[in-house]
Protein backbone atom coordinates (compact mmCIF):
# COMPACT_ATOMS: atom_id res chain seq x y z
CA MET A 1 108.48 90.23 148.84
CA ALA A 2 105.04 89.55 147.38
CA VAL A 3 102.11 91.17 149.20
CA ILE A 4 98.48 90.07 149.58
CA GLU A 5 95.86 92.15 151.39
CA LEU A 6 93.10 90.25 153.16
CA PRO A 7 89.54 91.54 152.66
CA ARG A 8 87.21 92.78 155.41
CA LEU A 9 85.20 89.57 155.26
CA CYS A 10 87.51 86.56 155.33
CA ASP A 11 84.88 83.92 154.62
CA ARG A 12 85.10 80.62 152.76
CA ALA A 13 85.05 82.34 149.37
CA ALA A 14 87.95 84.60 150.39
CA ALA A 15 89.83 81.56 151.73
CA LEU A 16 89.43 79.76 148.39
CA ALA A 17 90.65 82.86 146.54
CA LEU A 18 93.67 83.16 148.86
CA LYS A 19 94.46 79.48 148.39
CA GLY A 20 94.57 80.08 144.64
CA ASP A 21 96.73 83.17 145.05
CA LEU A 22 99.14 81.23 147.26
CA ALA A 23 99.38 78.44 144.70
CA ASP A 24 100.28 81.00 142.02
CA THR A 25 102.98 82.61 144.18
CA THR A 26 106.52 81.47 143.64
CA GLY A 27 109.77 82.57 145.13
CA SER A 28 112.09 82.03 148.04
CA GLU A 29 110.83 84.90 150.22
CA ALA A 30 107.92 84.72 152.62
CA LEU A 31 104.66 86.19 151.38
CA GLN A 32 103.57 89.33 153.20
CA VAL A 33 99.90 89.19 154.23
CA HIS A 34 98.26 92.46 155.31
CA ALA A 35 95.41 91.78 157.75
CA GLY A 36 94.58 95.33 158.83
CA LYS A 37 91.12 95.49 157.23
CA VAL A 38 89.82 92.18 158.57
CA GLU A 39 86.48 92.52 160.37
CA ARG A 40 85.33 88.89 160.24
CA MET A 41 87.39 85.70 160.02
CA SER A 42 86.24 82.19 159.15
CA MET A 43 87.88 78.94 160.18
CA ALA A 44 88.46 78.23 156.49
CA MET A 45 90.63 81.35 156.22
CA LEU A 46 92.53 80.45 159.38
CA GLN A 47 93.21 76.99 157.94
CA VAL A 48 94.56 78.44 154.69
CA LEU A 49 96.77 80.90 156.60
CA LEU A 50 98.08 78.15 158.88
CA ALA A 51 98.91 75.91 155.92
CA ALA A 52 100.73 78.78 154.21
CA HIS A 53 102.57 79.55 157.45
CA ARG A 54 103.77 75.95 157.77
CA ASN A 55 105.00 75.64 154.18
CA GLU A 56 108.18 77.18 152.86
CA PRO A 57 108.81 80.01 152.40
CA GLY A 58 105.90 80.84 154.73
CA ILE A 59 103.99 84.06 155.35
CA VAL A 60 104.52 87.20 157.39
CA LEU A 61 101.38 88.78 158.87
CA THR A 62 101.39 92.57 158.96
CA GLU A 63 98.99 95.38 159.87
CA ARG A 64 96.78 93.04 161.91
CA SER A 65 93.35 94.33 162.91
CA SER A 66 92.00 93.75 166.42
CA GLU A 67 89.41 91.35 164.96
CA PHE A 68 92.14 89.38 163.22
CA ASP A 69 94.10 89.11 166.48
CA ARG A 70 90.90 88.12 168.33
CA SER A 71 90.30 85.33 165.81
CA LEU A 72 93.83 84.06 166.34
CA ALA A 73 93.31 84.12 170.11
CA VAL A 74 89.96 82.28 169.96
CA SER A 75 91.48 79.60 167.73
CA GLY A 76 94.59 79.24 169.89
CA LEU A 77 96.91 80.33 167.07
CA THR A 78 98.25 83.61 168.48
CA GLU A 79 101.54 82.14 169.65
CA THR A 80 101.98 80.16 166.44
CA PHE A 81 101.84 83.26 164.28
CA ASN A 82 103.73 85.48 166.75
CA THR A 83 106.69 83.13 167.17
CA GLY A 84 106.81 81.44 163.78
CA ALA A 85 106.39 78.00 165.39
CA ALA A 86 104.33 75.33 163.67
CA ALA A 87 101.12 74.38 165.43
């Protein structure tokens, strides 16, 4: 399984970089995304993560920081990422 680690600051620039990384990733297994270092999250990053989550093979979020989980809660996406359901 391929692994990507999110940076501390998940701003628009980080979202664009992740989008490029996701486009370069191939395979039939979900991409593992480590979110343990996240201190700030932008809506752009949440949009990229949601799009990756919805598309096959999807992503698996691991090592989630409290700020990352708070961002999911504020955006209403906690259940989507916890259950694997599409929003």
